[in-house]
Amino acid sequence: MEADPDAPLHFHEYMREAGFANVSQTILKIPTSPWPKDRRLKKVGALELLNLMEGAQGFLLRGYTKEFGRTREELELLLMRMRKELTTQ
């Protein structure tokens, strides 16, 4: 899979190297659960948690089955445990 997990932190550099001018970078706080006290961040966190819970199968399916040699059933069990962990306070 060879993807650099920190690649988004370097996008502005890649754009400049490609010849783009006036490139700016804005880093936003994106919570992954509804823990923040700020109302807007709390809503963003709730939506990100929903996105993770709903999209995890799509995010993980290829890598977990092809790269790690696991079965789809093993992935479903992992996803069930993940969802339980994420919703247990």
PDB file of N, CA and C in Angstrom:
ATOM      1  N   MET A   1       0.823  -1.174   0.000  1.00  0.00           N
ATOM      2  CA  MET A   1       0.000   0.000   0.000  1.00  0.00           C
ATOM      3  C   MET A   1       0.875   1.248   0.000  1.00  0.00           C
ATOM      4  N   GLU A   2       1.990   1.253   0.631  1.00  0.00           N
ATOM      5  CA  GLU A   2       3.030   2.260   0.477  1.00  0.00           C
ATOM      6  C   GLU A   2       2.574   3.719   0.507  1.00  0.00           C
ATOM      7  N   ALA A   3       1.459   4.031   1.072  1.00  0.00           N
ATOM      8  CA  ALA A   3       0.987   5.420   1.137  1.00  0.00           C
ATOM      9  C   ALA A   3       1.518   6.080   2.409  1.00  0.00           C
ATOM     10  N   ASP A   4       2.018   7.289   2.275  1.00  0.00           N
ATOM     11  CA  ASP A   4       2.509   8.043   3.415  1.00  0.00           C
ATOM     12  C   ASP A   4       1.316   8.619   4.170  1.00  0.00           C
ATOM     13  N   PRO A   5       1.108   8.222   5.427  1.00  0.00           N
ATOM     14  CA  PRO A   5      -0.059   8.724   6.163  1.00  0.00           C
ATOM     15  C   PRO A   5       0.009  10.227   6.441  1.00  0.00           C
ATOM     16  N   ASP A   6       1.193  10.812   6.347  1.00  0.00           N
ATOM     17  CA  ASP A   6       1.343  12.245   6.581  1.00  0.00           C
ATOM     18  C   ASP A   6       1.319  13.068   5.294  1.00  0.00           C
ATOM     19  N   ALA A   7       1.007  12.448   4.167  1.00  0.00           N
ATOM     20  CA  ALA A   7       1.015  13.157   2.877  1.00  0.00           C
ATOM     21  C   ALA A   7       0.172  14.430   2.881  1.00  0.00           C
ATOM     22  N   PRO A   8      -1.013  14.450   3.486  1.00  0.00           N
ATOM     23  CA  PRO A   8      -1.795  15.692   3.463  1.00  0.00           C
ATOM     24  C   PRO A   8      -1.070  16.881   4.099  1.00  0.00           C
ATOM     25  N   LEU A   9      -0.161  16.614   5.022  1.00  0.00           N
ATOM     26  CA  LEU A   9       0.584  17.703   5.652  1.00  0.00           C
ATOM     27  C   LEU A   9       1.570  18.361   4.682  1.00  0.00           C
ATOM     28  N   HIS A  10       1.839  17.692   3.575  1.00  0.00           N
ATOM     29  CA  HIS A  10       2.812  18.187   2.599  1.00  0.00           C
ATOM     30  C   HIS A  10       2.173  18.629   1.284  1.00  0.00           C
ATOM     31  N   PHE A  11       0.861  18.619   1.196  1.00  0.00           N
ATOM     32  CA  PHE A  11       0.187  18.976  -0.061  1.00  0.00           C
ATOM     33  C   PHE A  11       0.590  20.366  -0.552  1.00  0.00           C
ATOM     34  N   HIS A  12       0.698  21.331   0.376  1.00  0.00           N
ATOM     35  CA  HIS A  12       1.069  22.683  -0.045  1.00  0.00           C
ATOM     36  C   HIS A  12       2.459  22.712  -0.677  1.00  0.00           C
ATOM     37  N   GLU A  13       3.385  21.890  -0.153  1.00  0.00           N
ATOM     38  CA  GLU A  13       4.723  21.810  -0.740  1.00  0.00           C
ATOM     39  C   GLU A  13       4.655  21.202  -2.146  1.00  0.00           C
ATOM     40  N   TYR A  14       3.854  20.144  -2.279  1.00  0.00           N
ATOM     41  CA  TYR A  14       3.722  19.484  -3.581  1.00  0.00           C
ATOM     42  C   TYR A  14       3.152  20.456  -4.618  1.00  0.00           C
ATOM     43  N   MET A  15       2.196  21.270  -4.190  1.00  0.00           N
ATOM     44  CA  MET A  15       1.584  22.237  -5.104  1.00  0.00           C
ATOM     45  C   MET A  15       2.614  23.275  -5.559  1.00  0.00           C
ATOM     46  N   ARG A  16       3.422  23.761  -4.620  1.00  0.00           N
ATOM     47  CA  ARG A  16       4.466  24.738  -4.972  1.00  0.00           C
ATOM     48  C   ARG A  16       5.489  24.121  -5.926  1.00  0.00           C
ATOM     49  N   GLU A  17       5.897  22.882  -5.625  1.00  0.00           N
ATOM     50  CA  GLU A  17       6.866  22.192  -6.483  1.00  0.00           C
ATOM     51  C   GLU A  17       6.316  21.974  -7.891  1.00  0.00           C
ATOM     52  N   ALA A  18       4.995  21.847  -7.984  1.00  0.00           N
ATOM     53  CA  ALA A  18       4.363  21.642  -9.293  1.00  0.00           C
ATOM     54  C   ALA A  18       4.205  22.961 -10.052  1.00  0.00           C
ATOM     55  N   GLY A  19       4.568  24.077  -9.413  1.00  0.00           N
ATOM     56  CA  GLY A  19       4.535  25.350 -10.107  1.00  0.00           C
ATOM     57  C   GLY A  19       3.379  26.265  -9.763  1.00  0.00           C
ATOM     58  N   PHE A  20       2.546  25.882  -8.838  1.00  0.00           N
ATOM     59  CA  PHE A  20       1.439  26.744  -8.435  1.00  0.00           C
ATOM     60  C   PHE A  20       1.963  27.896  -7.587  1.00  0.00           C
ATOM     61  N   ALA A  21       1.366  29.063  -7.739  1.00  0.00           N
ATOM     62  CA  ALA A  21       1.765  30.245  -6.976  1.00  0.00           C
ATOM     63  C   ALA A  21       0.677  30.590  -5.965  1.00  0.00           C
ATOM     64  N   ASN A  22       1.033  31.392  -4.979  1.00  0.00           N
ATOM     65  CA  ASN A  22       0.082  31.839  -3.949  1.00  0.00           C
ATOM     66  C   ASN A  22      -0.622  30.670  -3.256  1.00  0.00           C
ATOM     67  N   VAL A  23       0.113  29.629  -2.968  1.00  0.00           N
ATOM     68  CA  VAL A  23      -0.436  28.465  -2.275  1.00  0.00           C
ATOM     69  C   VAL A  23      -0.432  28.756  -0.782  1.00  0.00           C
ATOM     70  N   SER A  24      -1.544  28.522  -0.135  1.00  0.00           N
ATOM     71  CA  SER A  24      -1.608  28.695   1.314  1.00  0.00           C
ATOM     72  C   SER A  24      -2.122  27.410   1.943  1.00  0.00           C
ATOM     73  N   GLN A  25      -1.854  27.266   3.203  1.00  0.00           N
ATOM     74  CA  GLN A  25      -2.266  26.066   3.927  1.00  0.00           C
ATOM     75  C   GLN A  25      -3.077  26.487   5.137  1.00  0.00           C
ATOM     76  N   THR A  26      -4.217  25.847   5.327  1.00  0.00           N
ATOM     77  CA  THR A  26      -5.055  26.073   6.497  1.00  0.00           C
ATOM     78  C   THR A  26      -5.264  24.739   7.185  1.00  0.00           C
ATOM     79  N   ILE A  27      -4.886  24.650   8.424  1.00  0.00           N
ATOM     80  CA  ILE A  27      -5.066  23.414   9.183  1.00  0.00           C
ATOM     81  C   ILE A  27      -6.271  23.605  10.095  1.00  0.00           C
ATOM     82  N   LEU A  28      -7.243  22.724   9.969  1.00  0.00           N
ATOM     83  CA  LEU A  28      -8.479  22.807  10.752  1.00  0.00           C
ATOM     84  C   LEU A  28      -8.511  21.698  11.795  1.00  0.00           C
ATOM     85  N   LYS A  29      -9.129  21.981  12.915  1.00  0.00           N
ATOM     86  CA  LYS A  29      -9.357  20.956  13.920  1.00  0.00           C
ATOM     87  C   LYS A  29     -10.547  20.112  13.466  1.00  0.00           C
ATOM     88  N   ILE A  30     -10.333  18.810  13.401  1.00  0.00           N
ATOM     89  CA  ILE A  30     -11.409  17.890  13.022  1.00  0.00           C
ATOM     90  C   ILE A  30     -11.481  16.797  14.089  1.00  0.00           C
ATOM     91  N   PRO A  31     -12.305  16.975  15.106  1.00  0.00           N
ATOM     92  CA  PRO A  31     -12.429  15.929  16.124  1.00  0.00           C
ATOM     93  C   PRO A  31     -13.113  14.695  15.531  1.00  0.00           C
ATOM     94  N   THR A  32     -12.797  13.544  16.084  1.00  0.00           N
ATOM     95  CA  THR A  32     -13.380  12.303  15.563  1.00  0.00           C
ATOM     96  C   THR A  32     -14.442  11.716  16.482  1.00  0.00           C
ATOM     97  N   SER A  33     -14.892  12.508  17.418  1.00  0.00           N
ATOM     98  CA  SER A  33     -16.001  12.110  18.283  1.00  0.00           C
ATOM     99  C   SER A  33     -16.623  13.393  18.834  1.00  0.00           C
ATOM    100  N   PRO A  34     -17.810  13.305  19.401  1.00  0.00           N
ATOM    101  CA  PRO A  34     -18.484  14.521  19.874  1.00  0.00           C
ATOM    102  C   PRO A  34     -18.005  15.003  21.250  1.00  0.00           C
ATOM    103  N   TRP A  35     -16.720  14.892  21.555  1.00  0.00           N
ATOM    104  CA  TRP A  35     -16.204  15.289  22.865  1.00  0.00           C
ATOM    105  C   TRP A  35     -15.993  16.788  23.063  1.00  0.00           C
ATOM    106  N   PRO A  36     -15.764  17.593  22.017  1.00  0.00           N
ATOM    107  CA  PRO A  36     -15.462  19.017  22.279  1.00  0.00           C
ATOM    108  C   PRO A  36     -16.612  19.750  22.955  1.00  0.00           C
ATOM    109  N   LYS A  37     -16.280  20.800  23.676  1.00  0.00           N
ATOM    110  CA  LYS A  37     -17.303  21.629  24.318  1.00  0.00           C
ATOM    111  C   LYS A  37     -17.901  22.617  23.320  1.00  0.00           C
ATOM    112  N   ASP A  38     -17.089  23.064  22.363  1.00  0.00           N
ATOM    113  CA  ASP A  38     -17.561  23.995  21.340  1.00  0.00           C
ATOM    114  C   ASP A  38     -18.665  23.322  20.508  1.00  0.00           C
ATOM    115  N   ARG A  39     -19.797  24.018  20.342  1.00  0.00           N
ATOM    116  CA  ARG A  39     -20.952  23.424  19.649  1.00  0.00           C
ATOM    117  C   ARG A  39     -20.632  22.991  18.226  1.00  0.00           C
ATOM    118  N   ARG A  40     -19.919  23.847  17.488  1.00  0.00           N
ATOM    119  CA  ARG A  40     -19.595  23.532  16.098  1.00  0.00           C
ATOM    120  C   ARG A  40     -18.668  22.315  16.020  1.00  0.00           C
ATOM    121  N   LEU A  41     -17.636  22.283  16.864  1.00  0.00           N
ATOM    122  CA  LEU A  41     -16.709  21.146  16.859  1.00  0.00           C
ATOM    123  C   LEU A  41     -17.389  19.869  17.355  1.00  0.00           C
ATOM    124  N   LYS A  42     -18.332  20.018  18.280  1.00  0.00           N
ATOM    125  CA  LYS A  42     -19.087  18.853  18.760  1.00  0.00           C
ATOM    126  C   LYS A  42     -19.887  18.234  17.612  1.00  0.00           C
ATOM    127  N   LYS A  43     -20.511  19.082  16.794  1.00  0.00           N
ATOM    128  CA  LYS A  43     -21.272  18.591  15.648  1.00  0.00           C
ATOM    129  C   LYS A  43     -20.352  17.961  14.603  1.00  0.00           C
ATOM    130  N   VAL A  44     -19.222  18.614  14.333  1.00  0.00           N
ATOM    131  CA  VAL A  44     -18.247  18.063  13.387  1.00  0.00           C
ATOM    132  C   VAL A  44     -17.769  16.699  13.879  1.00  0.00           C
ATOM    133  N   GLY A  45     -17.465  16.586  15.170  1.00  0.00           N
ATOM    134  CA  GLY A  45     -17.010  15.320  15.743  1.00  0.00           C
ATOM    135  C   GLY A  45     -18.052  14.219  15.626  1.00  0.00           C
ATOM    136  N   ALA A  46     -19.310  14.564  15.859  1.00  0.00           N
ATOM    137  CA  ALA A  46     -20.385  13.573  15.735  1.00  0.00           C
ATOM    138  C   ALA A  46     -20.501  13.088  14.289  1.00  0.00           C
ATOM    139  N   LEU A  47     -20.365  14.009  13.335  1.00  0.00           N
ATOM    140  CA  LEU A  47     -20.437  13.619  11.919  1.00  0.00           C
ATOM    141  C   LEU A  47     -19.223  12.792  11.505  1.00  0.00           C
ATOM    142  N   GLU A  48     -18.050  13.124  12.027  1.00  0.00           N
ATOM    143  CA  GLU A  48     -16.849  12.341  11.719  1.00  0.00           C
ATOM    144  C   GLU A  48     -16.954  10.924  12.295  1.00  0.00           C
ATOM    145  N   LEU A  49     -17.494  10.803  13.497  1.00  0.00           N
ATOM    146  CA  LEU A  49     -17.691   9.487  14.095  1.00  0.00           C
ATOM    147  C   LEU A  49     -18.659   8.670  13.252  1.00  0.00           C
ATOM    148  N   LEU A  50     -19.740   9.295  12.810  1.00  0.00           N
ATOM    149  CA  LEU A  50     -20.704   8.613  11.946  1.00  0.00           C
ATOM    150  C   LEU A  50     -20.032   8.180  10.638  1.00  0.00           C
ATOM    151  N   ASN A  51     -19.231   9.068  10.062  1.00  0.00           N
ATOM    152  CA  ASN A  51     -18.510   8.752   8.833  1.00  0.00           C
ATOM    153  C   ASN A  51     -17.594   7.541   9.031  1.00  0.00           C
ATOM    154  N   LEU A  52     -16.879   7.515  10.146  1.00  0.00           N
ATOM    155  CA  LEU A  52     -15.990   6.388  10.435  1.00  0.00           C
ATOM    156  C   LEU A  52     -16.774   5.094  10.605  1.00  0.00           C
ATOM    157  N   MET A  53     -17.848   5.156  11.376  1.00  0.00           N
ATOM    158  CA  MET A  53     -18.618   3.940  11.640  1.00  0.00           C
ATOM    159  C   MET A  53     -19.316   3.416  10.389  1.00  0.00           C
ATOM    160  N   GLU A  54     -19.823   4.314   9.566  1.00  0.00           N
ATOM    161  CA  GLU A  54     -20.517   3.911   8.344  1.00  0.00           C
ATOM    162  C   GLU A  54     -19.544   3.520   7.228  1.00  0.00           C
ATOM    163  N   GLY A  55     -18.369   4.160   7.184  1.00  0.00           N
ATOM    164  CA  GLY A  55     -17.467   3.948   6.069  1.00  0.00           C
ATOM    165  C   GLY A  55     -16.301   3.025   6.341  1.00  0.00           C
ATOM    166  N   ALA A  56     -16.164   2.535   7.562  1.00  0.00           N
ATOM    167  CA  ALA A  56     -14.996   1.730   7.927  1.00  0.00           C
ATOM    168  C   ALA A  56     -14.827   0.502   7.036  1.00  0.00           C
ATOM    169  N   GLN A  57     -15.911  -0.158   6.688  1.00  0.00           N
ATOM    170  CA  GLN A  57     -15.797  -1.351   5.845  1.00  0.00           C
ATOM    171  C   GLN A  57     -15.170  -0.980   4.494  1.00  0.00           C
ATOM    172  N   GLY A  58     -15.641   0.090   3.903  1.00  0.00           N
ATOM    173  CA  GLY A  58     -15.093   0.527   2.631  1.00  0.00           C
ATOM    174  C   GLY A  58     -13.640   0.959   2.739  1.00  0.00           C
ATOM    175  N   PHE A  59     -13.282   1.586   3.860  1.00  0.00           N
ATOM    176  CA  PHE A  59     -11.906   2.030   4.055  1.00  0.00           C
ATOM    177  C   PHE A  59     -10.960   0.842   4.210  1.00  0.00           C
ATOM    178  N   LEU A  60     -11.432  -0.210   4.874  1.00  0.00           N
ATOM    179  CA  LEU A  60     -10.551  -1.303   5.280  1.00  0.00           C
ATOM    180  C   LEU A  60     -10.613  -2.555   4.415  1.00  0.00           C
ATOM    181  N   LEU A  61     -11.667  -2.734   3.637  1.00  0.00           N
ATOM    182  CA  LEU A  61     -11.905  -4.015   2.979  1.00  0.00           C
ATOM    183  C   LEU A  61     -10.726  -4.517   2.160  1.00  0.00           C
ATOM    184  N   ARG A  62     -10.240  -3.723   1.237  1.00  0.00           N
ATOM    185  CA  ARG A  62      -9.160  -4.198   0.371  1.00  0.00           C
ATOM    186  C   ARG A  62      -7.880  -4.501   1.146  1.00  0.00           C
ATOM    187  N   GLY A  63      -7.445  -3.545   1.960  1.00  0.00           N
ATOM    188  CA  GLY A  63      -6.201  -3.741   2.698  1.00  0.00           C
ATOM    189  C   GLY A  63      -6.263  -4.913   3.657  1.00  0.00           C
ATOM    190  N   TYR A  64      -7.377  -5.049   4.344  1.00  0.00           N
ATOM    191  CA  TYR A  64      -7.499  -6.109   5.348  1.00  0.00           C
ATOM    192  C   TYR A  64      -7.567  -7.491   4.706  1.00  0.00           C
ATOM    193  N   THR A  65      -8.253  -7.597   3.570  1.00  0.00           N
ATOM    194  CA  THR A  65      -8.390  -8.912   2.935  1.00  0.00           C
ATOM    195  C   THR A  65      -7.222  -9.222   1.999  1.00  0.00           C
ATOM    196  N   LYS A  66      -6.859  -8.292   1.132  1.00  0.00           N
ATOM    197  CA  LYS A  66      -5.795  -8.562   0.151  1.00  0.00           C
ATOM    198  C   LYS A  66      -4.402  -8.469   0.767  1.00  0.00           C
ATOM    199  N   GLU A  67      -4.145  -7.408   1.501  1.00  0.00           N
ATOM    200  CA  GLU A  67      -2.802  -7.185   2.041  1.00  0.00           C
ATOM    201  C   GLU A  67      -2.510  -8.048   3.264  1.00  0.00           C
ATOM    202  N   PHE A  68      -3.506  -8.215   4.130  1.00  0.00           N
ATOM    203  CA  PHE A  68      -3.290  -8.983   5.350  1.00  0.00           C
ATOM    204  C   PHE A  68      -3.778 -10.430   5.242  1.00  0.00           C
ATOM    205  N   GLY A  69      -4.440 -10.772   4.141  1.00  0.00           N
ATOM    206  CA  GLY A  69      -4.894 -12.148   3.926  1.00  0.00           C
ATOM    207  C   GLY A  69      -6.012 -12.595   4.852  1.00  0.00           C
ATOM    208  N   ARG A  70      -6.765 -11.651   5.384  1.00  0.00           N
ATOM    209  CA  ARG A  70      -7.880 -11.994   6.276  1.00  0.00           C
ATOM    210  C   ARG A  70      -9.154 -12.166   5.461  1.00  0.00           C
ATOM    211  N   THR A  71     -10.158 -12.767   6.079  1.00  0.00           N
ATOM    212  CA  THR A  71     -11.431 -12.991   5.393  1.00  0.00           C
ATOM    213  C   THR A  71     -12.370 -11.822   5.652  1.00  0.00           C
ATOM    214  N   ARG A  72     -13.387 -11.743   4.829  1.00  0.00           N
ATOM    215  CA  ARG A  72     -14.406 -10.703   4.999  1.00  0.00           C
ATOM    216  C   ARG A  72     -15.128 -10.888   6.339  1.00  0.00           C
ATOM    217  N   GLU A  73     -15.316 -12.139   6.747  1.00  0.00           N
ATOM    218  CA  GLU A  73     -15.980 -12.423   8.030  1.00  0.00           C
ATOM    219  C   GLU A  73     -15.132 -11.915   9.195  1.00  0.00           C
ATOM    220  N   GLU A  74     -13.802 -12.089   9.098  1.00  0.00           N
ATOM    221  CA  GLU A  74     -12.919 -11.575  10.146  1.00  0.00           C
ATOM    222  C   GLU A  74     -13.000 -10.045  10.209  1.00  0.00           C
ATOM    223  N   LEU A  75     -13.105  -9.418   9.050  1.00  0.00           N
ATOM    224  CA  LEU A  75     -13.251  -7.967   9.011  1.00  0.00           C
ATOM    225  C   LEU A  75     -14.550  -7.543   9.676  1.00  0.00           C
ATOM    226  N   GLU A  76     -15.630  -8.251   9.398  1.00  0.00           N
ATOM    227  CA  GLU A  76     -16.921  -7.904  10.009  1.00  0.00           C
ATOM    228  C   GLU A  76     -16.855  -8.004  11.530  1.00  0.00           C
ATOM    229  N   LEU A  77     -16.156  -9.015  12.045  1.00  0.00           N
ATOM    230  CA  LEU A  77     -15.995  -9.139  13.500  1.00  0.00           C
ATOM    231  C   LEU A  77     -15.175  -7.970  14.051  1.00  0.00           C
ATOM    232  N   LEU A  78     -14.111  -7.614  13.348  1.00  0.00           N
ATOM    233  CA  LEU A  78     -13.304  -6.477  13.755  1.00  0.00           C
ATOM    234  C   LEU A  78     -14.139  -5.198  13.768  1.00  0.00           C
ATOM    235  N   LEU A  79     -14.949  -5.002  12.734  1.00  0.00           N
ATOM    236  CA  LEU A  79     -15.794  -3.812  12.647  1.00  0.00           C
ATOM    237  C   LEU A  79     -16.822  -3.768  13.769  1.00  0.00           C
ATOM    238  N   MET A  80     -17.381  -4.911  14.116  1.00  0.00           N
ATOM    239  CA  MET A  80     -18.332  -4.952  15.235  1.00  0.00           C
ATOM    240  C   MET A  80     -17.654  -4.520  16.528  1.00  0.00           C
ATOM    241  N   ARG A  81     -16.439  -5.027  16.769  1.00  0.00           N
ATOM    242  CA  ARG A  81     -15.702  -4.645  17.982  1.00  0.00           C
ATOM    243  C   ARG A  81     -15.343  -3.160  17.954  1.00  0.00           C
ATOM    244  N   MET A  82     -14.955  -2.671  16.779  1.00  0.00           N
ATOM    245  CA  MET A  82     -14.598  -1.265  16.635  1.00  0.00           C
ATOM    246  C   MET A  82     -15.799  -0.370  16.942  1.00  0.00           C
ATOM    247  N   ARG A  83     -16.943  -0.695  16.367  1.00  0.00           N
ATOM    248  CA  ARG A  83     -18.147   0.122  16.596  1.00  0.00           C
ATOM    249  C   ARG A  83     -18.544   0.116  18.071  1.00  0.00           C
ATOM    250  N   LYS A  84     -18.410  -1.039  18.705  1.00  0.00           N
ATOM    251  CA  LYS A  84     -18.735  -1.127  20.123  1.00  0.00           C
ATOM    252  C   LYS A  84     -17.793  -0.253  20.952  1.00  0.00           C
ATOM    253  N   GLU A  85     -16.492  -0.312  20.633  1.00  0.00           N
ATOM    254  CA  GLU A  85     -15.502   0.521  21.346  1.00  0.00           C
ATOM    255  C   GLU A  85     -15.785   2.006  21.154  1.00  0.00           C
ATOM    256  N   LEU A  86     -16.116   2.391  19.939  1.00  0.00           N
ATOM    257  CA  LEU A  86     -16.321   3.798  19.631  1.00  0.00           C
ATOM    258  C   LEU A  86     -17.580   4.367  20.286  1.00  0.00           C
ATOM    259  N   THR A  87     -18.566   3.519  20.536  1.00  0.00           N
ATOM    260  CA  THR A  87     -19.812   4.011  21.122  1.00  0.00           C
ATOM    261  C   THR A  87     -19.889   3.796  22.620  1.00  0.00           C
ATOM    262  N   THR A  88     -18.919   3.090  23.199  1.00  0.00           N
ATOM    263  CA  THR A  88     -18.890   2.886  24.639  1.00  0.00           C
ATOM    264  C   THR A  88     -18.130   4.023  25.287  1.00  0.00           C
ATOM    265  N   GLN A  89     -18.753   4.679  26.215  1.00  0.00           N
ATOM    266  CA  GLN A  89     -18.111   5.836  26.873  1.00  0.00           C
ATOM    267  C   GLN A  89     -17.428   5.406  28.128  1.00  0.00           C
TER     268      GLN A  89
END
